[in-house]
Amino acid sequence: MSYQPQPQPQAQAPDNGRRLTVAGVAVFILGLIAGAVMFFMAGSTEEDTVKKFARAPVGCTTTLQFDRADTYELYLETSGQLDNVSGDCAANGAYNRADDDPPQAQLSFLDPNNAEVPRSPGSGASYDVGGFKGEAVERVNIEQTGTYQMTVIGDSNDFVIAIGGESDADSGMLKMAAIGAAIAGVVIGFVLLLLGNRAKNATPAPAPAAAPGPGWGAPTP
């Protein structure tokens, strides 16, 4: 019986390198895009936060409902918009103080028991977003939920007192997440590119030798 040599299978270069390279580029780009989108959204998040602040106009006693015990900033807001104010006057509409000098204001802040709420100096934080401009001048600690009364007296009516938390709290967290997403995309994408380049440059393993078939070697008696 004669032996006909069979063609040896050629070792195929693995395509893992190409796949890793494509994945690395995709992760790199997606990380940067996600970071940019979240960073852009951070600006609108601060604007939404500021718009939700409660506001007390000058010359009125405004009713404020606090549903959560917390520390709140009192912002001297010199530009913005008043809508749906609860209290003894129906002040509404836009306001914009042209004078850079801060207005003179006197406040009275009563708790549900008609006791004056202690106030402390504000953080000095400021915002200028979405047509609203204010600066934290005082701070109050609301220890119990309920209905409060704030009376504002001033030398003009081109400002209000806005009440809320930190204007950029949610925006700051979103910016940090945006930076984290961008860094993660760059790092992971770079690692995948390195692995892909290493895999493409690796020498393919030689194909295994074919096992002897019929007629190979000395004839059997």
N, C-alpha and C. Protein backbone atom coordinates (compact mmCIF):
# COMPACT_ATOMS: atom_id res chain seq x y z
N MET A 1 0.87 -1.19 0.00
CA MET A 1 0.00 0.00 0.00
C MET A 1 0.90 1.23 0.00
N SER A 2 0.64 2.10 -0.87
CA SER A 2 1.46 3.32 -0.95
C SER A 2 0.83 4.42 -0.14
N TYR A 3 1.66 5.35 0.30
CA TYR A 3 1.21 6.49 1.11
C TYR A 3 1.26 7.74 0.26
N GLN A 4 0.12 8.43 0.21
CA GLN A 4 0.05 9.71 -0.49
C GLN A 4 0.10 10.84 0.53
N PRO A 5 1.16 11.63 0.54
CA PRO A 5 1.25 12.70 1.55
C PRO A 5 0.09 13.69 1.40
N GLN A 6 -0.48 14.05 2.52
CA GLN A 6 -1.58 15.01 2.56
C GLN A 6 -1.02 16.41 2.82
N PRO A 7 -1.66 17.44 2.23
CA PRO A 7 -1.18 18.81 2.50
C PRO A 7 -1.36 19.16 3.96
N GLN A 8 -0.32 19.78 4.53
CA GLN A 8 -0.35 20.16 5.93
C GLN A 8 -1.17 21.44 6.09
N PRO A 9 -2.02 21.50 7.15
CA PRO A 9 -2.78 22.73 7.38
C PRO A 9 -1.85 23.88 7.77
N GLN A 10 -2.12 25.01 7.19
CA GLN A 10 -1.30 26.19 7.48
C GLN A 10 -1.80 26.85 8.77
N ALA A 11 -0.88 27.28 9.61
CA ALA A 11 -1.23 27.97 10.84
C ALA A 11 -1.87 29.31 10.50
N GLN A 12 -3.04 29.54 11.03
CA GLN A 12 -3.76 30.78 10.78
C GLN A 12 -3.40 31.81 11.86
N ALA A 13 -3.07 33.02 11.45
CA ALA A 13 -2.78 34.09 12.41
C ALA A 13 -4.07 34.49 13.11
N PRO A 14 -4.10 34.51 14.43
CA PRO A 14 -5.33 34.84 15.15
C PRO A 14 -5.76 36.28 14.86
N ASP A 15 -7.09 36.48 14.80
CA ASP A 15 -7.60 37.83 14.56
C ASP A 15 -7.98 38.53 15.86
N ASN A 16 -7.51 37.99 16.99
CA ASN A 16 -7.79 38.64 18.26
C ASN A 16 -7.19 40.04 18.32
N GLY A 17 -6.04 40.20 17.68
CA GLY A 17 -5.40 41.51 17.69
C GLY A 17 -6.27 42.57 17.03
N ARG A 18 -6.86 42.23 15.91
CA ARG A 18 -7.72 43.19 15.22
C ARG A 18 -8.96 43.51 16.05
N ARG A 19 -9.53 42.48 16.67
CA ARG A 19 -10.72 42.70 17.49
C ARG A 19 -10.41 43.59 18.69
N LEU A 20 -9.29 43.34 19.33
CA LEU A 20 -8.92 44.16 20.48
C LEU A 20 -8.66 45.61 20.07
N THR A 21 -8.04 45.79 18.91
CA THR A 21 -7.78 47.15 18.42
C THR A 21 -9.07 47.89 18.16
N VAL A 22 -10.01 47.23 17.48
CA VAL A 22 -11.31 47.86 17.20
C VAL A 22 -12.03 48.20 18.50
N ALA A 23 -12.01 47.26 19.46
CA ALA A 23 -12.67 47.50 20.74
C ALA A 23 -12.01 48.66 21.48
N GLY A 24 -10.68 48.73 21.43
CA GLY A 24 -9.97 49.83 22.09
C GLY A 24 -10.34 51.18 21.53
N VAL A 25 -10.40 51.29 20.20
CA VAL A 25 -10.78 52.56 19.57
C VAL A 25 -12.21 52.93 19.94
N ALA A 26 -13.12 51.93 19.95
CA ALA A 26 -14.53 52.18 20.27
C ALA A 26 -14.67 52.67 21.71
N VAL A 27 -14.00 52.00 22.66
CA VAL A 27 -14.09 52.41 24.06
C VAL A 27 -13.49 53.80 24.26
N PHE A 28 -12.40 54.07 23.60
CA PHE A 28 -11.74 55.38 23.70
C PHE A 28 -12.70 56.50 23.26
N ILE A 29 -13.32 56.30 22.10
CA ILE A 29 -14.22 57.32 21.55
C ILE A 29 -15.48 57.45 22.40
N LEU A 30 -16.07 56.31 22.78
CA LEU A 30 -17.31 56.35 23.57
C LEU A 30 -17.08 57.00 24.94
N GLY A 31 -15.93 56.76 25.54
CA GLY A 31 -15.64 57.39 26.83
C GLY A 31 -15.57 58.90 26.72
N LEU A 32 -14.91 59.39 25.67
CA LEU A 32 -14.82 60.83 25.48
C LEU A 32 -16.19 61.44 25.17
N ILE A 33 -16.98 60.75 24.36
CA ILE A 33 -18.31 61.27 24.02
C ILE A 33 -19.19 61.31 25.27
N ALA A 34 -19.18 60.23 26.06
CA ALA A 34 -20.00 60.20 27.27
C ALA A 34 -19.58 61.30 28.25
N GLY A 35 -18.28 61.50 28.39
CA GLY A 35 -17.80 62.56 29.27
C GLY A 35 -18.23 63.93 28.81
N ALA A 36 -18.15 64.17 27.51
CA ALA A 36 -18.54 65.48 26.97
C ALA A 36 -20.04 65.73 27.14
N VAL A 37 -20.85 64.69 26.92
CA VAL A 37 -22.30 64.85 27.05
C VAL A 37 -22.68 65.14 28.50
N MET A 38 -22.12 64.40 29.45
CA MET A 38 -22.44 64.63 30.86
C MET A 38 -21.94 65.99 31.33
N PHE A 39 -20.77 66.42 30.83
CA PHE A 39 -20.26 67.74 31.22
C PHE A 39 -21.16 68.84 30.69
N PHE A 40 -21.69 68.65 29.48
CA PHE A 40 -22.61 69.62 28.92
C PHE A 40 -23.93 69.65 29.70
N MET A 41 -24.38 68.48 30.13
CA MET A 41 -25.62 68.41 30.90
C MET A 41 -25.49 69.04 32.27
N ALA A 42 -24.27 69.13 32.80
CA ALA A 42 -24.08 69.70 34.13
C ALA A 42 -24.56 71.14 34.20
N GLY A 43 -24.36 71.90 33.11
CA GLY A 43 -24.81 73.29 33.10
C GLY A 43 -26.32 73.40 33.22
N SER A 44 -27.05 72.57 32.48
CA SER A 44 -28.50 72.61 32.55
C SER A 44 -29.00 72.09 33.90
N THR A 45 -28.25 71.18 34.54
CA THR A 45 -28.63 70.68 35.85
C THR A 45 -28.60 71.79 36.89
N GLU A 46 -27.56 72.64 36.86
CA GLU A 46 -27.49 73.77 37.79
C GLU A 46 -28.64 74.74 37.55
N GLU A 47 -28.95 74.98 36.29
CA GLU A 47 -30.06 75.89 35.97
C GLU A 47 -31.38 75.35 36.51
N ASP A 48 -31.62 74.05 36.35
CA ASP A 48 -32.85 73.45 36.87
C ASP A 48 -32.91 73.56 38.40
N THR A 49 -31.77 73.38 39.07
CA THR A 49 -31.72 73.48 40.52
C THR A 49 -32.08 74.88 40.98
N VAL A 50 -31.50 75.89 40.33
CA VAL A 50 -31.75 77.28 40.72
C VAL A 50 -33.22 77.65 40.49
N LYS A 51 -33.79 77.19 39.39
CA LYS A 51 -35.19 77.53 39.08
C LYS A 51 -36.15 76.98 40.13
N LYS A 52 -35.76 75.89 40.80
CA LYS A 52 -36.64 75.27 41.80
C LYS A 52 -36.53 75.92 43.17
N PHE A 53 -35.63 76.90 43.36
CA PHE A 53 -35.53 77.57 44.64
C PHE A 53 -36.85 78.26 44.99
N ALA A 54 -37.16 78.29 46.29
CA ALA A 54 -38.27 79.11 46.76
C ALA A 54 -37.81 80.57 46.78
N ARG A 55 -38.75 81.51 46.62
CA ARG A 55 -38.38 82.91 46.54
C ARG A 55 -39.34 83.77 47.34
N ALA A 56 -38.77 84.77 48.02
CA ALA A 56 -39.54 85.70 48.82
C ALA A 56 -39.29 87.11 48.31
N PRO A 57 -40.30 87.78 47.74
CA PRO A 57 -40.11 89.13 47.20
C PRO A 57 -40.08 90.20 48.28
N VAL A 58 -39.64 91.37 47.90
CA VAL A 58 -39.55 92.51 48.82
C VAL A 58 -40.95 93.05 49.10
N GLY A 59 -41.15 93.45 50.37
CA GLY A 59 -42.42 94.06 50.74
C GLY A 59 -43.52 93.07 51.00
N CYS A 60 -43.20 91.79 51.14
CA CYS A 60 -44.21 90.75 51.32
C CYS A 60 -43.81 89.81 52.46
N THR A 61 -44.81 89.13 53.00
CA THR A 61 -44.58 88.01 53.90
C THR A 61 -44.92 86.75 53.12
N THR A 62 -43.91 85.98 52.82
CA THR A 62 -44.07 84.81 51.96
C THR A 62 -44.17 83.54 52.79
N THR A 63 -45.10 82.68 52.42
CA THR A 63 -45.27 81.39 53.08
C THR A 63 -44.37 80.35 52.41
N LEU A 64 -43.56 79.68 53.22
CA LEU A 64 -42.60 78.69 52.72
C LEU A 64 -42.88 77.35 53.38
N GLN A 65 -43.01 76.32 52.58
CA GLN A 65 -43.27 74.97 53.09
C GLN A 65 -41.98 74.15 52.99
N PHE A 66 -41.46 73.69 54.13
CA PHE A 66 -40.25 72.87 54.16
C PHE A 66 -40.66 71.43 54.46
N ASP A 67 -40.37 70.54 53.54
CA ASP A 67 -40.68 69.12 53.69
C ASP A 67 -39.50 68.30 54.16
N ARG A 68 -38.35 68.93 54.35
CA ARG A 68 -37.15 68.21 54.78
C ARG A 68 -36.32 69.09 55.71
N ALA A 69 -35.95 68.54 56.84
CA ALA A 69 -35.06 69.26 57.75
C ALA A 69 -33.66 69.24 57.19
N ASP A 70 -33.08 70.43 57.05
CA ASP A 70 -31.75 70.53 56.43
C ASP A 70 -31.24 71.95 56.62
N THR A 71 -30.03 72.19 56.15
CA THR A 71 -29.46 73.54 56.16
C THR A 71 -29.65 74.15 54.78
N TYR A 72 -30.16 75.37 54.74
CA TYR A 72 -30.48 76.04 53.48
C TYR A 72 -29.75 77.38 53.41
N GLU A 73 -29.40 77.73 52.19
CA GLU A 73 -28.78 79.02 51.93
C GLU A 73 -29.87 80.05 51.60
N LEU A 74 -29.65 81.29 52.04
CA LEU A 74 -30.50 82.42 51.65
C LEU A 74 -29.70 83.26 50.65
N TYR A 75 -30.16 83.27 49.41
CA TYR A 75 -29.44 83.95 48.34
C TYR A 75 -30.07 85.33 48.09
N LEU A 76 -29.23 86.34 48.02
CA LEU A 76 -29.66 87.66 47.58
C LEU A 76 -29.65 87.63 46.06
N GLU A 77 -30.84 87.48 45.48
CA GLU A 77 -30.97 87.27 44.04
C GLU A 77 -31.37 88.57 43.37
N THR A 78 -30.51 89.07 42.50
CA THR A 78 -30.73 90.37 41.86
C THR A 78 -31.20 90.25 40.42
N SER A 79 -31.38 89.04 39.93
CA SER A 79 -31.88 88.85 38.58
C SER A 79 -32.60 87.51 38.53
N GLY A 80 -33.80 87.51 37.95
CA GLY A 80 -34.54 86.26 37.86
C GLY A 80 -35.99 86.47 37.51
N GLN A 81 -36.82 85.51 37.91
CA GLN A 81 -38.24 85.50 37.56
C GLN A 81 -39.04 84.97 38.73
N LEU A 82 -40.12 85.68 39.08
CA LEU A 82 -41.02 85.26 40.16
C LEU A 82 -42.27 84.64 39.56
N ASP A 83 -42.64 83.46 40.09
CA ASP A 83 -43.87 82.80 39.65
C ASP A 83 -44.53 82.13 40.85
N ASN A 84 -45.84 82.30 40.98
CA ASN A 84 -46.63 81.56 41.96
C ASN A 84 -46.08 81.69 43.38
N VAL A 85 -45.99 82.91 43.87
CA VAL A 85 -45.51 83.15 45.23
C VAL A 85 -46.69 83.05 46.20
N SER A 86 -46.50 82.28 47.28
CA SER A 86 -47.54 82.14 48.30
C SER A 86 -47.28 83.12 49.43
N GLY A 87 -48.24 83.94 49.72
CA GLY A 87 -48.07 84.91 50.79
C GLY A 87 -49.12 85.99 50.74
N ASP A 88 -48.81 87.14 51.34
CA ASP A 88 -49.79 88.22 51.44
C ASP A 88 -49.71 89.21 50.29
N CYS A 89 -48.92 88.93 49.26
CA CYS A 89 -48.90 89.78 48.08
C CYS A 89 -48.68 88.92 46.84
N ALA A 90 -49.14 89.39 45.74
CA ALA A 90 -49.08 88.62 44.49
C ALA A 90 -47.96 89.12 43.58
N ALA A 91 -46.80 89.33 44.15
CA ALA A 91 -45.67 89.80 43.34
C ALA A 91 -45.27 88.73 42.35
N ASN A 92 -45.05 89.13 41.11
CA ASN A 92 -44.59 88.19 40.10
C ASN A 92 -43.91 88.97 38.98
N GLY A 93 -43.31 88.23 38.07
CA GLY A 93 -42.64 88.87 36.94
C GLY A 93 -41.13 88.85 37.08
N ALA A 94 -40.47 89.45 36.09
CA ALA A 94 -39.01 89.45 36.06
C ALA A 94 -38.45 90.63 36.84
N TYR A 95 -37.24 90.50 37.30
CA TYR A 95 -36.54 91.57 38.01
C TYR A 95 -35.07 91.49 37.63
N ASN A 96 -34.43 92.64 37.57
CA ASN A 96 -33.03 92.71 37.17
C ASN A 96 -32.45 94.00 37.72
N ARG A 97 -31.62 93.89 38.74
CA ARG A 97 -31.04 95.06 39.37
C ARG A 97 -29.88 95.57 38.52
N ALA A 98 -30.02 96.81 38.06
CA ALA A 98 -28.98 97.40 37.22
C ALA A 98 -27.78 97.87 38.04
N ASP A 99 -28.01 98.25 39.29
CA ASP A 99 -26.93 98.76 40.14
C ASP A 99 -26.11 97.59 40.66
N ASP A 100 -24.78 97.69 40.59
CA ASP A 100 -23.90 96.64 41.08
C ASP A 100 -23.83 96.62 42.60
N ASP A 101 -24.20 97.72 43.26
CA ASP A 101 -24.17 97.75 44.72
C ASP A 101 -25.27 96.84 45.27
N PRO A 102 -24.97 96.01 46.26
CA PRO A 102 -26.00 95.12 46.81
C PRO A 102 -27.09 95.93 47.51
N PRO A 103 -28.33 95.53 47.37
CA PRO A 103 -29.42 96.25 48.03
C PRO A 103 -29.42 96.03 49.53
N GLN A 104 -30.05 96.94 50.24
CA GLN A 104 -30.21 96.82 51.69
C GLN A 104 -31.50 96.05 51.96
N ALA A 105 -31.38 95.01 52.79
CA ALA A 105 -32.55 94.17 53.06
C ALA A 105 -32.58 93.79 54.53
N GLN A 106 -33.80 93.72 55.06
CA GLN A 106 -34.04 93.24 56.42
C GLN A 106 -34.99 92.05 56.34
N LEU A 107 -34.65 90.99 57.07
CA LEU A 107 -35.42 89.75 57.00
C LEU A 107 -36.01 89.40 58.35
N SER A 108 -37.16 88.78 58.30
CA SER A 108 -37.77 88.15 59.46
C SER A 108 -38.19 86.76 59.02
N PHE A 109 -37.68 85.75 59.74
CA PHE A 109 -37.91 84.36 59.34
C PHE A 109 -38.50 83.61 60.54
N LEU A 110 -39.79 83.27 60.48
CA LEU A 110 -40.49 82.66 61.60
C LEU A 110 -40.77 81.19 61.32
N ASP A 111 -40.61 80.36 62.37
CA ASP A 111 -40.88 78.93 62.25
C ASP A 111 -42.38 78.65 62.47
N PRO A 112 -42.82 77.39 62.43
CA PRO A 112 -44.24 77.08 62.62
C PRO A 112 -44.81 77.54 63.96
N ASN A 113 -43.93 77.77 64.94
CA ASN A 113 -44.37 78.25 66.25
C ASN A 113 -44.24 79.77 66.39
N ASN A 114 -44.03 80.45 65.25
CA ASN A 114 -43.87 81.91 65.21
C ASN A 114 -42.65 82.39 65.99
N ALA A 115 -41.65 81.54 66.11
CA ALA A 115 -40.39 81.93 66.73
C ALA A 115 -39.38 82.26 65.63
N GLU A 116 -38.56 83.27 65.90
CA GLU A 116 -37.56 83.67 64.92
C GLU A 116 -36.51 82.57 64.74
N VAL A 117 -36.23 82.24 63.49
CA VAL A 117 -35.24 81.20 63.17
C VAL A 117 -33.85 81.84 63.15
N PRO A 118 -32.91 81.32 63.94
CA PRO A 118 -31.55 81.88 63.92
C PRO A 118 -30.92 81.74 62.53
N ARG A 119 -30.18 82.77 62.15
CA ARG A 119 -29.48 82.75 60.87
C ARG A 119 -27.99 82.98 61.10
N SER A 120 -27.20 82.41 60.21
CA SER A 120 -25.75 82.55 60.28
C SER A 120 -25.24 83.04 58.94
N PRO A 121 -23.98 83.52 58.88
CA PRO A 121 -23.45 83.99 57.59
C PRO A 121 -23.49 82.89 56.53
N GLY A 122 -23.78 83.30 55.31
CA GLY A 122 -23.85 82.36 54.21
C GLY A 122 -22.49 81.93 53.72
N SER A 123 -22.48 80.99 52.80
CA SER A 123 -21.23 80.46 52.28
C SER A 123 -20.55 81.40 51.29
N GLY A 124 -21.31 82.36 50.77
CA GLY A 124 -20.75 83.25 49.75
C GLY A 124 -20.79 82.67 48.36
N ALA A 125 -21.33 81.47 48.22
CA ALA A 125 -21.43 80.86 46.89
C ALA A 125 -22.37 81.68 46.02
N SER A 126 -22.13 81.67 44.73
CA SER A 126 -22.94 82.47 43.82
C SER A 126 -23.28 81.66 42.57
N TYR A 127 -24.27 82.14 41.84
CA TYR A 127 -24.66 81.52 40.57
C TYR A 127 -25.08 82.61 39.61
N ASP A 128 -24.92 82.33 38.35
CA ASP A 128 -25.34 83.21 37.26
C ASP A 128 -25.65 82.31 36.08
N VAL A 129 -26.88 81.82 36.07
CA VAL A 129 -27.25 80.81 35.08
C VAL A 129 -28.73 80.94 34.76
N GLY A 130 -29.06 80.78 33.48
CA GLY A 130 -30.45 80.78 33.05
C GLY A 130 -31.21 82.04 33.36
N GLY A 131 -30.54 83.19 33.42
CA GLY A 131 -31.20 84.44 33.73
C GLY A 131 -31.34 84.71 35.22
N PHE A 132 -30.81 83.82 36.06
CA PHE A 132 -30.86 84.00 37.51
C PHE A 132 -29.46 84.31 38.03
N LYS A 133 -29.39 85.27 38.93
CA LYS A 133 -28.10 85.68 39.49
C LYS A 133 -28.27 85.94 40.97
N GLY A 134 -27.48 85.24 41.78
CA GLY A 134 -27.61 85.42 43.22
C GLY A 134 -26.35 85.05 43.97
N GLU A 135 -26.33 85.44 45.25
CA GLU A 135 -25.18 85.16 46.12
C GLU A 135 -25.70 84.78 47.50
N ALA A 136 -25.12 83.74 48.08
CA ALA A 136 -25.53 83.25 49.39
C ALA A 136 -25.02 84.19 50.48
N VAL A 137 -25.94 84.91 51.11
CA VAL A 137 -25.56 85.90 52.12
C VAL A 137 -25.82 85.41 53.54
N GLU A 138 -26.78 84.50 53.71
CA GLU A 138 -27.07 83.95 55.02
C GLU A 138 -27.44 82.47 54.90
N ARG A 139 -27.50 81.82 56.07
CA ARG A 139 -27.80 80.39 56.09
C ARG A 139 -28.72 80.11 57.28
N VAL A 140 -29.68 79.18 57.08
CA VAL A 140 -30.59 78.80 58.15
C VAL A 140 -30.59 77.29 58.29
N ASN A 141 -30.78 76.83 59.51
CA ASN A 141 -30.88 75.41 59.79
C ASN A 141 -32.33 75.08 60.14
N ILE A 142 -33.02 74.41 59.24
CA ILE A 142 -34.41 74.03 59.45
C ILE A 142 -34.43 72.70 60.21
N GLU A 143 -34.83 72.75 61.48
CA GLU A 143 -34.80 71.57 62.31
C GLU A 143 -36.08 70.75 62.26
N GLN A 144 -37.16 71.36 61.84
CA GLN A 144 -38.42 70.63 61.74
C GLN A 144 -39.17 71.04 60.48
N THR A 145 -39.88 70.10 59.89
CA THR A 145 -40.65 70.40 58.70
C THR A 145 -41.89 71.21 59.09
N GLY A 146 -42.46 71.88 58.10
CA GLY A 146 -43.67 72.65 58.36
C GLY A 146 -43.70 73.94 57.57
N THR A 147 -44.59 74.82 57.97
CA THR A 147 -44.82 76.09 57.27
C THR A 147 -44.08 77.22 57.98
N TYR A 148 -43.28 77.94 57.23
CA TYR A 148 -42.50 79.06 57.74
C TYR A 148 -42.95 80.34 57.04
N GLN A 149 -42.65 81.46 57.69
CA GLN A 149 -43.01 82.78 57.14
C GLN A 149 -41.75 83.64 57.03
N MET A 150 -41.52 84.18 55.84
CA MET A 150 -40.39 85.09 55.66
C MET A 150 -40.89 86.44 55.18
N THR A 151 -40.50 87.47 55.90
CA THR A 151 -40.84 88.85 55.53
C THR A 151 -39.56 89.55 55.08
N VAL A 152 -39.61 90.19 53.92
CA VAL A 152 -38.45 90.88 53.36
C VAL A 152 -38.79 92.36 53.22
N ILE A 153 -37.94 93.20 53.79
CA ILE A 153 -38.08 94.65 53.66
C ILE A 153 -36.79 95.18 53.04
N GLY A 154 -36.91 96.00 52.00
CA GLY A 154 -35.73 96.52 51.32
C GLY A 154 -35.91 97.92 50.82
N ASP A 155 -34.83 98.51 50.32
CA ASP A 155 -34.87 99.87 49.81
C ASP A 155 -35.31 99.94 48.36
N SER A 156 -35.53 98.77 47.73
CA SER A 156 -36.01 98.72 46.35
C SER A 156 -36.69 97.37 46.16
N ASN A 157 -37.33 97.18 45.02
CA ASN A 157 -38.03 95.92 44.76
C ASN A 157 -37.44 95.18 43.57
N ASP A 158 -36.16 95.46 43.26
CA ASP A 158 -35.52 94.81 42.11
C ASP A 158 -34.65 93.64 42.55
N PHE A 159 -35.07 92.94 43.61
CA PHE A 159 -34.36 91.75 44.05
C PHE A 159 -35.33 90.91 44.88
N VAL A 160 -34.94 89.67 45.15
CA VAL A 160 -35.70 88.78 46.01
C VAL A 160 -34.72 88.00 46.88
N ILE A 161 -35.26 87.29 47.85
CA ILE A 161 -34.47 86.34 48.64
C ILE A 161 -34.85 84.94 48.16
N ALA A 162 -33.87 84.22 47.62
CA ALA A 162 -34.09 82.84 47.16
C ALA A 162 -33.59 81.88 48.23
N ILE A 163 -34.33 80.81 48.44
CA ILE A 163 -34.02 79.83 49.48
C ILE A 163 -33.82 78.47 48.85
N GLY A 164 -32.69 77.84 49.13
CA GLY A 164 -32.42 76.52 48.58
C GLY A 164 -31.11 75.96 49.08
N GLY A 165 -30.73 74.83 48.53
CA GLY A 165 -29.46 74.21 48.88
C GLY A 165 -28.33 74.77 48.02
N GLU A 166 -27.28 74.00 47.87
CA GLU A 166 -26.16 74.42 47.03
C GLU A 166 -26.59 74.37 45.57
N SER A 167 -26.37 75.47 44.88
CA SER A 167 -26.88 75.55 43.50
C SER A 167 -26.18 74.58 42.56
N ASP A 168 -24.92 74.26 42.85
CA ASP A 168 -24.15 73.41 41.94
C ASP A 168 -23.88 72.03 42.52
N ALA A 169 -24.67 71.60 43.50
CA ALA A 169 -24.41 70.29 44.12
C ALA A 169 -24.58 69.17 43.10
N ASP A 170 -25.74 69.12 42.43
CA ASP A 170 -25.96 68.08 41.42
C ASP A 170 -25.07 68.28 40.21
N SER A 171 -24.83 69.54 39.86
CA SER A 171 -23.97 69.83 38.71
C SER A 171 -22.55 69.36 38.98
N GLY A 172 -22.07 69.57 40.21
CA GLY A 172 -20.71 69.15 40.54
C GLY A 172 -20.54 67.64 40.47
N MET A 173 -21.54 66.89 40.96
CA MET A 173 -21.45 65.43 40.89
C MET A 173 -21.47 64.95 39.45
N LEU A 174 -22.28 65.62 38.61
CA LEU A 174 -22.34 65.21 37.21
C LEU A 174 -21.03 65.52 36.49
N LYS A 175 -20.39 66.62 36.84
CA LYS A 175 -19.10 66.95 36.24
C LYS A 175 -18.03 65.93 36.64
N MET A 176 -18.06 65.51 37.91
CA MET A 176 -17.10 64.50 38.35
C MET A 176 -17.34 63.18 37.62
N ALA A 177 -18.61 62.83 37.43
CA ALA A 177 -18.92 61.60 36.68
C ALA A 177 -18.45 61.73 35.24
N ALA A 178 -18.59 62.92 34.65
CA ALA A 178 -18.14 63.13 33.27
C ALA A 178 -16.62 62.95 33.16
N ILE A 179 -15.90 63.51 34.10
CA ILE A 179 -14.44 63.37 34.08
C ILE A 179 -14.05 61.90 34.27
N GLY A 180 -14.75 61.21 35.19
CA GLY A 180 -14.46 59.79 35.42
C GLY A 180 -14.72 58.94 34.19
N ALA A 181 -15.83 59.23 33.48
CA ALA A 181 -16.14 58.46 32.28
C ALA A 181 -15.09 58.68 31.19
N ALA A 182 -14.65 59.92 31.03
CA ALA A 182 -13.64 60.22 30.02
C ALA A 182 -12.31 59.54 30.35
N ILE A 183 -11.91 59.60 31.62
CA ILE A 183 -10.64 58.97 32.01
C ILE A 183 -10.72 57.46 31.85
N ALA A 184 -11.85 56.86 32.27
CA ALA A 184 -12.00 55.41 32.14
C ALA A 184 -11.96 54.99 30.67
N GLY A 185 -12.62 55.75 29.79
CA GLY A 185 -12.59 55.42 28.37
C GLY A 185 -11.19 55.48 27.79
N VAL A 186 -10.44 56.52 28.17
CA VAL A 186 -9.07 56.67 27.66
C VAL A 186 -8.18 55.54 28.16
N VAL A 187 -8.25 55.25 29.46
CA VAL A 187 -7.37 54.22 30.03
C VAL A 187 -7.69 52.83 29.46
N ILE A 188 -8.99 52.46 29.50
CA ILE A 188 -9.36 51.13 29.02
C ILE A 188 -9.10 51.00 27.51
N GLY A 189 -9.41 52.06 26.77
CA GLY A 189 -9.14 52.03 25.33
C GLY A 189 -7.66 51.88 25.04
N PHE A 190 -6.82 52.58 25.79
CA PHE A 190 -5.37 52.49 25.58
C PHE A 190 -4.86 51.08 25.89
N VAL A 191 -5.38 50.48 26.97
CA VAL A 191 -4.96 49.12 27.32
C VAL A 191 -5.36 48.14 26.23
N LEU A 192 -6.59 48.27 25.72
CA LEU A 192 -7.03 47.37 24.65
C LEU A 192 -6.21 47.55 23.38
N LEU A 193 -5.83 48.78 23.08
CA LEU A 193 -4.98 49.01 21.91
C LEU A 193 -3.62 48.35 22.08
N LEU A 194 -3.05 48.44 23.27
CA LEU A 194 -1.76 47.78 23.52
C LEU A 194 -1.88 46.27 23.38
N LEU A 195 -2.94 45.70 23.95
CA LEU A 195 -3.12 44.25 23.85
C LEU A 195 -3.35 43.83 22.41
N GLY A 196 -4.12 44.63 21.67
CA GLY A 196 -4.35 44.30 20.27
C GLY A 196 -3.07 44.36 19.46
N ASN A 197 -2.24 45.37 19.71
CA ASN A 197 -0.99 45.48 18.97
C ASN A 197 -0.06 44.31 19.31
N ARG A 198 -0.05 43.88 20.58
CA ARG A 198 0.79 42.75 20.98
C ARG A 198 0.30 41.46 20.33
N ALA A 199 -1.02 41.30 20.28
CA ALA A 199 -1.56 40.08 19.68
C ALA A 199 -1.28 40.02 18.18
N LYS A 200 -1.36 41.16 17.50
CA LYS A 200 -1.09 41.16 16.06
C LYS A 200 0.37 40.86 15.75
N ASN A 201 1.27 41.25 16.64
CA ASN A 201 2.70 41.03 16.40
C ASN A 201 3.18 39.68 16.90
N ALA A 202 2.31 38.90 17.57
CA ALA A 202 2.72 37.59 18.07
C ALA A 202 2.90 36.61 16.91
N THR A 203 3.91 35.71 17.01
CA THR A 203 4.17 34.69 15.98
C THR A 203 3.19 33.56 16.13
N PRO A 204 2.44 33.20 15.06
CA PRO A 204 1.47 32.09 15.18
C PRO A 204 2.17 30.78 15.51
N ALA A 205 1.55 29.97 16.31
CA ALA A 205 2.11 28.66 16.67
C ALA A 205 2.13 27.75 15.45
N PRO A 206 3.20 26.94 15.27
CA PRO A 206 3.26 26.04 14.10
C PRO A 206 2.14 25.01 14.17
N ALA A 207 1.69 24.58 12.95
CA ALA A 207 0.62 23.59 12.87
C ALA A 207 1.16 22.23 13.29
N PRO A 208 0.39 21.41 14.00
CA PRO A 208 0.87 20.09 14.43
C PRO A 208 1.09 19.17 13.23
N ALA A 209 2.12 18.27 13.35
CA ALA A 209 2.44 17.33 12.27
C ALA A 209 1.33 16.31 12.13
N ALA A 210 1.09 15.88 10.88
CA ALA A 210 0.04 14.90 10.61
C ALA A 210 0.45 13.53 11.13
N ALA A 211 -0.49 12.79 11.67
CA ALA A 211 -0.20 11.44 12.16
C ALA A 211 0.03 10.50 10.98
N PRO A 212 0.91 9.49 11.14
CA PRO A 212 1.15 8.53 10.04
C PRO A 212 -0.13 7.83 9.62
N GLY A 213 -0.28 7.67 8.31
CA GLY A 213 -1.46 6.96 7.79
C GLY A 213 -1.09 5.58 7.31
N PRO A 214 -2.00 4.90 6.65
CA PRO A 214 -1.73 3.56 6.12
C PRO A 214 -0.57 3.57 5.12
N GLY A 215 0.29 2.59 5.20
CA GLY A 215 1.42 2.45 4.27
C GLY A 215 2.63 3.21 4.73
N TRP A 216 2.57 3.85 5.92
CA TRP A 216 3.71 4.61 6.41
C TRP A 216 4.65 3.66 7.14
N GLY A 217 5.94 3.72 6.87
CA GLY A 217 6.93 2.90 7.55
C GLY A 217 7.12 1.55 6.89
N ALA A 218 7.75 0.60 7.64
CA ALA A 218 8.08 -0.72 7.10
C ALA A 218 6.82 -1.55 6.93
N PRO A 219 6.79 -2.39 5.89
CA PRO A 219 5.61 -3.23 5.69
C PRO A 219 5.46 -4.25 6.81
N THR A 220 4.23 -4.55 7.12
CA THR A 220 3.93 -5.53 8.18
C THR A 220 3.97 -6.93 7.58
N PRO A 221 4.68 -7.86 8.21
CA PRO A 221 4.71 -9.22 7.64
C PRO A 221 3.32 -9.85 7.62
